[in-house]
């Protein structure tokens, strides 16, 4: 019985799981509070990633309006904490 190196099958597994996007992008879920702060993180959280777009659900219309104005700053911090051009846009929606 021969063993297959994990690296040789990882690409196939990621494709089957539809995780072909930039894997660094998924760090956004773990560092979200560091990026936006505790107060905002209580009302808005990343929900999914599609391509280079991060979708963030917001629990209140007032917070939704406020966080939309912070989009540029959030994208800039994402580039600093993750890497450049990992996201092209952030879409906010009410939960």
C-alpha atoms as a PDB file:
ATOM      1  CA  UNK A   1       0.000   0.000   0.000  1.00  0.00           C
ATOM      2  CA  UNK A   2       1.461   3.349  -0.983  1.00  0.00           C
ATOM      3  CA  UNK A   3       0.640   6.672   0.576  1.00  0.00           C
ATOM      4  CA  UNK A   4      -0.402   9.722  -1.406  1.00  0.00           C
ATOM      5  CA  UNK A   5       1.011  13.059  -0.249  1.00  0.00           C
ATOM      6  CA  UNK A   6      -1.661  15.433   1.053  1.00  0.00           C
ATOM      7  CA  UNK A   7      -0.383  18.225  -1.174  1.00  0.00           C
ATOM      8  CA  UNK A   8      -1.144  16.234  -4.299  1.00  0.00           C
ATOM      9  CA  UNK A   9      -4.832  15.761  -3.426  1.00  0.00           C
ATOM     10  CA  UNK A  10      -5.525  19.049  -1.634  1.00  0.00           C
ATOM     11  CA  UNK A  11      -6.441  20.908  -4.834  1.00  0.00           C
ATOM     12  CA  UNK A  12      -9.004  18.258  -5.772  1.00  0.00           C
ATOM     13  CA  UNK A  13     -10.575  18.325  -2.312  1.00  0.00           C
ATOM     14  CA  UNK A  14     -10.804  22.134  -2.296  1.00  0.00           C
ATOM     15  CA  UNK A  15     -12.486  22.073  -5.711  1.00  0.00           C
ATOM     16  CA  UNK A  16     -15.013  19.490  -4.563  1.00  0.00           C
ATOM     17  CA  UNK A  17     -15.804  21.625  -1.511  1.00  0.00           C
ATOM     18  CA  UNK A  18     -15.981  24.712  -3.736  1.00  0.00           C
ATOM     19  CA  UNK A  19     -13.194  26.410  -1.813  1.00  0.00           C
ATOM     20  CA  UNK A  20     -11.216  27.508  -4.823  1.00  0.00           C
ATOM     21  CA  UNK A  21     -11.232  31.149  -3.731  1.00  0.00           C
ATOM     22  CA  UNK A  22      -8.182  32.645  -2.095  1.00  0.00           C
ATOM     23  CA  UNK A  23      -7.923  30.739   1.181  1.00  0.00           C
ATOM     24  CA  UNK A  24      -6.387  33.757   2.912  1.00  0.00           C
ATOM     25  CA  UNK A  25      -9.757  35.476   2.506  1.00  0.00           C
ATOM     26  CA  UNK A  26     -11.264  33.147   5.098  1.00  0.00           C
ATOM     27  CA  UNK A  27      -9.113  34.796   7.777  1.00  0.00           C
ATOM     28  CA  UNK A  28     -11.712  37.564   7.677  1.00  0.00           C
ATOM     29  CA  UNK A  29     -13.978  35.402   9.829  1.00  0.00           C
ATOM     30  CA  UNK A  30     -11.441  35.074  12.634  1.00  0.00           C
ATOM     31  CA  UNK A  31     -10.057  38.624  12.634  1.00  0.00           C
ATOM     32  CA  UNK A  32     -13.318  40.491  12.009  1.00  0.00           C
ATOM     33  CA  UNK A  33     -13.517  41.907  15.542  1.00  0.00           C
ATOM     34  CA  UNK A  34      -9.903  43.127  15.314  1.00  0.00           C
ATOM     35  CA  UNK A  35     -10.743  44.878  12.038  1.00  0.00           C
ATOM     36  CA  UNK A  36     -13.992  46.620  13.009  1.00  0.00           C
ATOM     37  CA  UNK A  37     -13.864  46.707  16.799  1.00  0.00           C
ATOM     38  CA  UNK A  38     -15.990  45.017  19.441  1.00  0.00           C
ATOM     39  CA  UNK A  39     -18.962  47.395  19.246  1.00  0.00           C
ATOM     40  CA  UNK A  40     -19.489  46.933  15.509  1.00  0.00           C
ATOM     41  CA  UNK A  41     -18.724  43.203  15.658  1.00  0.00           C
ATOM     42  CA  UNK A  42     -21.698  42.799  17.982  1.00  0.00           C
ATOM     43  CA  UNK A  43     -23.991  44.018  15.174  1.00  0.00           C
ATOM     44  CA  UNK A  44     -22.249  42.939  11.972  1.00  0.00           C
ATOM     45  CA  UNK A  45     -20.417  39.761  11.060  1.00  0.00           C
ATOM     46  CA  UNK A  46     -19.051  38.125   7.918  1.00  0.00           C
ATOM     47  CA  UNK A  47     -21.447  35.545   6.522  1.00  0.00           C
ATOM     48  CA  UNK A  48     -19.876  34.292   3.307  1.00  0.00           C
ATOM     49  CA  UNK A  49     -17.337  34.918   0.594  1.00  0.00           C
ATOM     50  CA  UNK A  50     -18.072  34.732  -3.098  1.00  0.00           C
ATOM     51  CA  UNK A  51     -15.148  35.427  -5.356  1.00  0.00           C
ATOM     52  CA  UNK A  52     -13.501  38.561  -4.054  1.00  0.00           C
ATOM     53  CA  UNK A  53     -16.608  39.847  -2.289  1.00  0.00           C
ATOM     54  CA  UNK A  54     -17.162  39.557   1.462  1.00  0.00           C
ATOM     55  CA  UNK A  55     -20.835  39.452   2.474  1.00  0.00           C
ATOM     56  CA  UNK A  56     -21.549  40.845   5.921  1.00  0.00           C
ATOM     57  CA  UNK A  57     -24.863  40.487   7.721  1.00  0.00           C
ATOM     58  CA  UNK A  58     -25.983  43.362   9.918  1.00  0.00           C
ATOM     59  CA  UNK A  59     -28.659  43.068  12.589  1.00  0.00           C
ATOM     60  CA  UNK A  60     -30.036  46.628  12.665  1.00  0.00           C
ATOM     61  CA  UNK A  61     -30.903  49.231  10.000  1.00  0.00           C
ATOM     62  CA  UNK A  62     -29.007  52.001  11.829  1.00  0.00           C
ATOM     63  CA  UNK A  63     -25.846  49.904  12.052  1.00  0.00           C
ATOM     64  CA  UNK A  64     -26.316  48.943   8.400  1.00  0.00           C
ATOM     65  CA  UNK A  65     -26.330  52.604   7.390  1.00  0.00           C
ATOM     66  CA  UNK A  66     -23.309  53.381   9.569  1.00  0.00           C
ATOM     67  CA  UNK A  67     -21.116  50.492   8.498  1.00  0.00           C
ATOM     68  CA  UNK A  68     -21.669  51.217   4.794  1.00  0.00           C
ATOM     69  CA  UNK A  69     -19.762  54.470   5.322  1.00  0.00           C
ATOM     70  CA  UNK A  70     -16.868  52.507   6.807  1.00  0.00           C
ATOM     71  CA  UNK A  71     -16.454  50.147   3.834  1.00  0.00           C
ATOM     72  CA  UNK A  72     -13.278  51.779   2.518  1.00  0.00           C
ATOM     73  CA  UNK A  73     -11.606  51.732   5.930  1.00  0.00           C
ATOM     74  CA  UNK A  74     -12.568  48.103   6.476  1.00  0.00           C
ATOM     75  CA  UNK A  75     -11.184  47.092   3.070  1.00  0.00           C
ATOM     76  CA  UNK A  76      -7.946  48.933   3.874  1.00  0.00           C
ATOM     77  CA  UNK A  77      -7.590  47.131   7.192  1.00  0.00           C
ATOM     78  CA  UNK A  78      -8.294  43.805   5.484  1.00  0.00           C
ATOM     79  CA  UNK A  79      -5.384  44.470   3.143  1.00  0.00           C
ATOM     80  CA  UNK A  80      -3.151  45.249   6.113  1.00  0.00           C
ATOM     81  CA  UNK A  81      -4.168  42.233   8.199  1.00  0.00           C
ATOM     82  CA  UNK A  82      -4.671  39.624   5.462  1.00  0.00           C
ATOM     83  CA  UNK A  83      -3.122  40.662   2.157  1.00  0.00           C
ATOM     84  CA  UNK A  84      -3.643  43.128  -0.654  1.00  0.00           C
ATOM     85  CA  UNK A  85      -6.538  42.682  -3.045  1.00  0.00           C
ATOM     86  CA  UNK A  86      -8.004  39.695  -1.218  1.00  0.00           C
ATOM     87  CA  UNK A  87     -11.373  41.505  -1.408  1.00  0.00           C
ATOM     88  CA  UNK A  88     -12.573  43.890  -4.090  1.00  0.00           C
ATOM     89  CA  UNK A  89     -15.811  44.721  -2.319  1.00  0.00           C
ATOM     90  CA  UNK A  90     -17.869  44.222   0.820  1.00  0.00           C
ATOM     91  CA  UNK A  91     -21.638  43.867   0.574  1.00  0.00           C
ATOM     92  CA  UNK A  92     -23.678  44.572   3.682  1.00  0.00           C
ATOM     93  CA  UNK A  93     -27.201  43.247   4.108  1.00  0.00           C
ATOM     94  CA  UNK A  94     -29.785  43.166   6.879  1.00  0.00           C
ATOM     95  CA  UNK A  95     -30.310  39.854   8.619  1.00  0.00           C
END
